[in-house]
C-alpha atoms as a PDB file:
ATOM      1  CA  MET A   1     -72.266  62.818 -17.687  1.00  0.00           C
ATOM      2  CA  ALA A   2     -72.211  59.135 -18.434  1.00  0.00           C
ATOM      3  CA  LYS A   3     -69.251  57.505 -20.085  1.00  0.00           C
ATOM      4  CA  GLN A   4     -69.601  55.889 -23.406  1.00  0.00           C
ATOM      5  CA  PRO A   5     -68.056  52.438 -23.849  1.00  0.00           C
ATOM      6  CA  ASN A   6     -65.886  53.531 -26.769  1.00  0.00           C
ATOM      7  CA  GLU A   7     -64.716  56.699 -25.102  1.00  0.00           C
ATOM      8  CA  PRO A   8     -61.091  56.655 -23.840  1.00  0.00           C
ATOM      9  CA  SER A   9     -60.687  56.705 -20.108  1.00  0.00           C
ATOM     10  CA  SER A  10     -58.837  59.453 -18.365  1.00  0.00           C
ATOM     11  CA  GLU A  11     -57.746  57.041 -15.612  1.00  0.00           C
ATOM     12  CA  ILE A  12     -54.929  55.611 -17.727  1.00  0.00           C
ATOM     13  CA  SER A  13     -52.696  58.545 -16.996  1.00  0.00           C
ATOM     14  CA  GLU A  14     -52.989  57.879 -13.304  1.00  0.00           C
ATOM     15  CA  THR A  15     -51.378  54.354 -13.316  1.00  0.00           C
ATOM     16  CA  PRO A  16     -47.942  53.850 -11.712  1.00  0.00           C
ATOM     17  CA  VAL A  17     -46.233  53.341 -15.060  1.00  0.00           C
ATOM     18  CA  ALA A  18     -47.684  56.524 -16.375  1.00  0.00           C
ATOM     19  CA  LYS A  19     -46.725  58.361 -13.202  1.00  0.00           C
ATOM     20  CA  ALA A  20     -43.147  57.065 -13.517  1.00  0.00           C
ATOM     21  CA  LYS A  21     -42.959  58.280 -17.057  1.00  0.00           C
ATOM     22  CA  GLU A  22     -44.225  61.631 -16.021  1.00  0.00           C
ATOM     23  CA  ALA A  23     -41.752  61.853 -13.147  1.00  0.00           C
ATOM     24  CA  GLU A  24     -38.460  63.448 -13.841  1.00  0.00           C
ATOM     25  CA  ALA A  25     -35.633  61.043 -14.683  1.00  0.00           C
ATOM     26  CA  PRO A  26     -32.793  61.276 -12.188  1.00  0.00           C
ATOM     27  CA  THR A  27     -29.967  63.229 -13.611  1.00  0.00           C
ATOM     28  CA  MET A  28     -26.435  61.889 -13.199  1.00  0.00           C
ATOM     29  CA  SER A  29     -23.276  63.397 -14.465  1.00  0.00           C
ATOM     30  CA  THR A  30     -20.806  61.390 -16.507  1.00  0.00           C
ATOM     31  CA  GLU A  31     -18.322  61.491 -13.649  1.00  0.00           C
ATOM     32  CA  GLN A  32     -20.870  60.101 -11.223  1.00  0.00           C
ATOM     33  CA  LEU A  33     -21.835  57.337 -13.694  1.00  0.00           C
ATOM     34  CA  LEU A  34     -18.166  56.390 -14.223  1.00  0.00           C
ATOM     35  CA  LYS A  35     -17.591  56.358 -10.462  1.00  0.00           C
ATOM     36  CA  LEU A  36     -20.624  54.093  -9.982  1.00  0.00           C
ATOM     37  CA  LEU A  37     -19.384  51.747 -12.704  1.00  0.00           C
ATOM     38  CA  ALA A  38     -15.899  51.658 -11.174  1.00  0.00           C
ATOM     39  CA  ASP A  39     -17.374  50.763  -7.747  1.00  0.00           C
ATOM     40  CA  VAL A  40     -19.480  47.955  -9.249  1.00  0.00           C
ATOM     41  CA  LEU A  41     -16.473  46.567 -11.136  1.00  0.00           C
ATOM     42  CA  ALA A  42     -14.255  46.754  -8.027  1.00  0.00           C
ATOM     43  CA  LYS A  43     -16.852  44.876  -5.968  1.00  0.00           C
ATOM     44  CA  SER A  44     -17.229  42.323  -8.780  1.00  0.00           C
ATOM     45  CA  THR A  45     -13.442  41.786  -8.945  1.00  0.00           C
ATOM     46  CA  ALA A  46     -13.188  41.404  -5.162  1.00  0.00           C
ATOM     47  CA  ASN A  47     -16.097  38.981  -5.193  1.00  0.00           C
ATOM     48  CA  SER A  48     -14.453  37.057  -8.054  1.00  0.00           C
ATOM     49  CA  GLU A  49     -11.189  36.803  -6.136  1.00  0.00           C
ATOM     50  CA  ALA A  50     -13.023  35.576  -3.024  1.00  0.00           C
ATOM     51  CA  GLN A  51     -14.836  32.940  -5.079  1.00  0.00           C
ATOM     52  CA  THR A  52     -11.573  31.815  -6.689  1.00  0.00           C
ATOM     53  CA  ALA A  53      -9.922  31.514  -3.271  1.00  0.00           C
ATOM     54  CA  ALA A  54     -12.892  29.527  -1.957  1.00  0.00           C
ATOM     55  CA  ILE A  55     -12.794  27.149  -4.942  1.00  0.00           C
ATOM     56  CA  LEU A  56      -9.048  26.611  -4.502  1.00  0.00           C
ATOM     57  CA  GLU A  57      -9.573  25.921  -0.801  1.00  0.00           C
ATOM     58  CA  LEU A  58     -12.240  23.343  -1.605  1.00  0.00           C
ATOM     59  CA  ALA A  59      -9.949  21.659  -4.129  1.00  0.00           C
ATOM     60  CA  LYS A  60      -7.241  20.995  -1.522  1.00  0.00           C
ATOM     61  CA  PRO A  61      -7.207  17.389  -0.262  1.00  0.00           C
ATOM     62  CA  LYS A  62      -8.551  17.076   3.224  1.00  0.00           C
ATOM     63  CA  GLU A  63      -7.992  14.369   5.788  1.00  0.00           C
ATOM     64  CA  ALA A  64     -10.905  11.992   5.995  1.00  0.00           C
ATOM     65  CA  VAL A  65     -12.991  12.258   9.102  1.00  0.00           C
ATOM     66  CA  LYS A  66     -12.801   8.975  10.993  1.00  0.00           C
ATOM     67  CA  SER A  67     -15.181   7.589  13.523  1.00  0.00           C
ATOM     68  CA  ALA A  68     -14.017   6.437  16.935  1.00  0.00           C
ATOM     69  CA  ARG A  69     -14.520   2.846  15.795  1.00  0.00           C
ATOM     70  CA  GLN A  70     -12.310   3.345  12.731  1.00  0.00           C
ATOM     71  CA  ILE A  71      -9.592   4.907  14.871  1.00  0.00           C
ATOM     72  CA  ALA A  72      -9.786   1.987  17.320  1.00  0.00           C
ATOM     73  CA  GLU A  73      -9.642  -0.541  14.454  1.00  0.00           C
ATOM     74  CA  GLU A  74      -6.557   1.191  13.019  1.00  0.00           C
ATOM     75  CA  LYS A  75      -4.847   1.086  16.423  1.00  0.00           C
ATOM     76  CA  ASN A  76      -5.717  -2.616  16.769  1.00  0.00           C
ATOM     77  CA  GLU A  77      -4.392  -3.324  13.269  1.00  0.00           C
ATOM     78  CA  GLU A  78      -1.142  -1.477  14.010  1.00  0.00           C
ATOM     79  CA  GLN A  79      -0.774  -3.366  17.310  1.00  0.00           C
ATOM     80  CA  PHE A  80      -1.412  -6.662  15.483  1.00  0.00           C
ATOM     81  CA  LYS A  81       1.218  -5.843  12.842  1.00  0.00           C
ATOM     82  CA  LYS A  82       3.703  -4.875  15.554  1.00  0.00           C
ATOM     83  CA  GLN A  83       3.132  -8.189  17.354  1.00  0.00           C
ATOM     84  CA  GLN A  84       3.444 -10.077  14.062  1.00  0.00           C
ATOM     85  CA  ARG A  85       6.765  -8.363  13.282  1.00  0.00           C
ATOM     86  CA  GLU A  86       7.970  -9.213  16.803  1.00  0.00           C
ATOM     87  CA  GLN A  87       6.963 -12.873  16.370  1.00  0.00           C
ATOM     88  CA  GLU A  88       8.702 -13.062  12.992  1.00  0.00           C
ATOM     89  CA  LYS A  89      11.840 -11.563  14.533  1.00  0.00           C
ATOM     90  CA  TRP A  90      11.808 -14.137  17.344  1.00  0.00           C
ATOM     91  CA  ALA A  91      11.068 -16.985  14.901  1.00  0.00           C
ATOM     92  CA  LYS A  92      14.073 -15.975  12.755  1.00  0.00           C
ATOM     93  CA  ALA A  93      16.289 -15.703  15.830  1.00  0.00           C
ATOM     94  CA  ASN A  94      15.067 -19.102  17.046  1.00  0.00           C
ATOM     95  CA  GLU A  95      15.673 -20.669  13.620  1.00  0.00           C
ATOM     96  CA  LYS A  96      19.187 -19.214  13.475  1.00  0.00           C
ATOM     97  CA  TRP A  97      19.894 -20.485  16.993  1.00  0.00           C
ATOM     98  CA  ALA A  98      18.599 -23.952  16.011  1.00  0.00           C
ATOM     99  CA  HIS A  99      20.786 -24.005  12.878  1.00  0.00           C
ATOM    100  CA  ASP A 100      23.866 -22.834  14.790  1.00  0.00           C
ATOM    101  CA  ASN A 101      23.413 -25.277  17.696  1.00  0.00           C
ATOM    102  CA  CYS A 102      22.207 -28.368  15.844  1.00  0.00           C
ATOM    103  CA  GLU A 103      24.660 -31.254  15.667  1.00  0.00           C
ATOM    104  CA  HIS A 104      22.988 -32.558  12.466  1.00  0.00           C
ATOM    105  CA  ILE A 105      23.337 -36.078  13.875  1.00  0.00           C
ATOM    106  CA  ALA A 106      20.355 -38.424  13.798  1.00  0.00           C
ATOM    107  CA  GLY A 107      18.600 -38.412  17.173  1.00  0.00           C
ATOM    108  CA  CYS A 108      20.203 -35.149  18.401  1.00  0.00           C
ATOM    109  CA  ASN A 109      16.807 -33.559  18.982  1.00  0.00           C
ATOM    110  CA  ALA A 110      15.960 -32.930  22.642  1.00  0.00           C
ATOM    111  CA  LEU A 111      12.847 -35.061  22.204  1.00  0.00           C
ATOM    112  CA  SER A 112      14.845 -38.060  20.972  1.00  0.00           C
ATOM    113  CA  GLU A 113      15.793 -40.821  23.386  1.00  0.00           C
ATOM    114  CA  MET A 114      19.326 -41.239  22.095  1.00  0.00           C
ATOM    115  CA  LYS A 115      21.638 -40.188  19.319  1.00  0.00           C
ATOM    116  CA  ASP A 116      22.526 -42.523  16.501  1.00  0.00           C
ATOM    117  CA  LEU A 117      25.354 -44.720  17.763  1.00  0.00           C
ATOM    118  CA  ALA A 118      26.982 -44.821  14.319  1.00  0.00           C
ATOM    119  CA  GLN A 119      27.049 -40.979  14.266  1.00  0.00           C
ATOM    120  CA  ARG A 120      25.133 -40.826  10.959  1.00  0.00           C
ATOM    121  CA  THR A 121      23.854 -37.399   9.968  1.00  0.00           C
ATOM    122  CA  SER A 122      20.200 -36.385  10.052  1.00  0.00           C
ATOM    123  CA  ILE A 123      20.568 -34.742   6.622  1.00  0.00           C
ATOM    124  CA  ILE A 124      18.428 -35.814   3.686  1.00  0.00           C
ATOM    125  CA  TRP A 125      20.430 -35.454   0.470  1.00  0.00           C
ATOM    126  CA  HIS A 126      18.611 -34.690  -2.766  1.00  0.00           C
ATOM    127  CA  ARG A 127      20.076 -34.611  -6.269  1.00  0.00           C
ATOM    128  CA  GLY A 128      18.264 -32.278  -8.652  1.00  0.00           C
ATOM    129  CA  ASP A 129      17.608 -32.908 -12.324  1.00  0.00           C
ATOM    130  CA  VAL A 130      20.706 -30.953 -13.450  1.00  0.00           C
ATOM    131  CA  GLY A 131      23.031 -32.623 -10.936  1.00  0.00           C
ATOM    132  CA  GLN A 132      22.961 -30.116  -8.072  1.00  0.00           C
ATOM    133  CA  THR A 133      22.906 -31.639  -4.600  1.00  0.00           C
ATOM    134  CA  THR A 134      20.993 -30.100  -1.723  1.00  0.00           C
ATOM    135  CA  GLY A 135      20.762 -31.323   1.854  1.00  0.00           C
ATOM    136  CA  ILE A 136      18.107 -30.664   4.491  1.00  0.00           C
ATOM    137  CA  CYS A 137      18.619 -31.448   8.172  1.00  0.00           C
ATOM    138  CA  THR A 138      15.547 -33.218   9.556  1.00  0.00           C
ATOM    139  CA  VAL A 139      16.183 -31.781  13.024  1.00  0.00           C
ATOM    140  CA  CYS A 140      16.670 -28.039  12.394  1.00  0.00           C
ATOM    141  CA  GLN A 141      15.563 -27.770   8.723  1.00  0.00           C
ATOM    142  CA  ARG A 142      18.815 -26.117   7.674  1.00  0.00           C
ATOM    143  CA  ILE A 143      19.365 -26.253   3.922  1.00  0.00           C
ATOM    144  CA  PHE A 144      22.849 -27.283   2.772  1.00  0.00           C
ATOM    145  CA  LYS A 145      23.827 -25.941  -0.669  1.00  0.00           C
ATOM    146  CA  GLU A 146      26.909 -26.817  -2.675  1.00  0.00           C
ATOM    147  CA  SER A 147      28.073 -23.215  -2.225  1.00  0.00           C
ATOM    148  CA  ASP A 148      28.122 -23.498   1.617  1.00  0.00           C
ATOM    149  CA  PRO A 149      31.623 -23.645   3.168  1.00  0.00           C
ATOM    150  CA  ASP A 150      30.803 -26.740   5.265  1.00  0.00           C
ATOM    151  CA  PHE A 151      28.889 -28.587   2.514  1.00  0.00           C
ATOM    152  CA  THR A 152      31.724 -30.992   1.709  1.00  0.00           C
ATOM    153  CA  LYS A 153      32.238 -31.871   5.386  1.00  0.00           C
ATOM    154  CA  TRP A 154      28.602 -32.894   5.850  1.00  0.00           C
ATOM    155  CA  ARG A 155      28.266 -34.551   2.431  1.00  0.00           C
ATOM    156  CA  LYS A 156      31.190 -36.911   3.160  1.00  0.00           C
ATOM    157  CA  LEU A 157      29.528 -38.268   6.325  1.00  0.00           C
ATOM    158  CA  LYS A 158      27.060 -41.129   6.150  1.00  0.00           C
ATOM    159  CA  SER A 159      23.408 -40.163   6.441  1.00  0.00           C
ATOM    160  CA  PHE A 160      20.684 -41.882   8.452  1.00  0.00           C
ATOM    161  CA  ASN A 161      18.329 -41.055   5.535  1.00  0.00           C
ATOM    162  CA  LYS A 162      18.336 -42.383   1.987  1.00  0.00           C
ATOM    163  CA  ASP A 163      19.349 -40.110  -0.867  1.00  0.00           C
ATOM    164  CA  SER A 164      16.672 -38.924  -3.250  1.00  0.00           C
ATOM    165  CA  ALA A 165      16.735 -37.675  -6.817  1.00  0.00           C
ATOM    166  CA  SER A 166      14.343 -35.911  -9.161  1.00  0.00           C
ATOM    167  CA  GLY A 167      15.493 -37.335 -12.467  1.00  0.00           C
ATOM    168  CA  GLN A 168      18.189 -36.353 -14.887  1.00  0.00           C
ATOM    169  CA  ARG A 169      18.316 -33.700 -17.552  1.00  0.00           C
ATOM    170  CA  THR A 170      21.028 -32.828 -20.036  1.00  0.00           C
ATOM    171  CA  VAL A 171      21.775 -29.119 -20.387  1.00  0.00           C
ATOM    172  CA  LEU A 172      24.291 -27.139 -22.433  1.00  0.00           C
ATOM    173  CA  ASP A 173      25.746 -25.252 -19.447  1.00  0.00           C
ATOM    174  CA  PRO A 174      25.457 -27.481 -16.353  1.00  0.00           C
ATOM    175  CA  LEU A 175      27.102 -24.971 -13.978  1.00  0.00           C
ATOM    176  CA  ALA A 176      24.677 -22.182 -14.934  1.00  0.00           C
ATOM    177  CA  ALA A 177      21.746 -24.592 -14.687  1.00  0.00           C
ATOM    178  CA  ARG A 178      22.872 -25.680 -11.219  1.00  0.00           C
ATOM    179  CA  GLU A 179      23.159 -22.077 -10.043  1.00  0.00           C
ATOM    180  CA  LYS A 180      19.695 -21.201 -11.387  1.00  0.00           C
ATOM    181  CA  SER A 181      18.090 -24.275  -9.833  1.00  0.00           C
ATOM    182  CA  TYR A 182      18.658 -23.266  -6.197  1.00  0.00           C
ATOM    183  CA  LEU A 183      16.006 -21.587  -4.143  1.00  0.00           C
ATOM    184  CA  HIS A 184      17.508 -18.117  -4.038  1.00  0.00           C
ATOM    185  CA  ASP A 185      15.055 -16.683  -1.517  1.00  0.00           C
ATOM    186  CA  ILE A 186      16.334 -18.974   1.238  1.00  0.00           C
ATOM    187  CA  ASP A 187      19.435 -17.840   3.084  1.00  0.00           C
END
């Protein structure tokens, strides 16, 4: 018997979809379905907690990974800073020693041939624009301020250098202006 083109085929019922429809659906009790759902939810919650923990771990700051060159450069920089601090310490100690041991007399430097015979000081005296007087020793670079205990002693002595001045200004409170005019970062 030959098939007609318009005639329905009997092969359709033999396809996998058709076979699946014909197969019996698996039967599951309500208890089994609830147990399966509970297991899926428990695994989902555990997975969620693991993901949350992983995200929190990633959010924590971590120490940057440094190359051997970077580590060496940091050690060199630290060594350089240490040497610089040591040099500054010795420079301050040397400056203090020079200030404490300077005679403040013209020609008292070790490189000078002789001291001033008239015993004139090596201090340059400068009068500021509000009347404050400041002295600077040309040998040790000590700064003499009016507030120093030995200022009057050194100011009374004759100086090898000429006095200088920066002009004159009239202010309402000369004492406050004098105090403000000093270089406060120098001790």
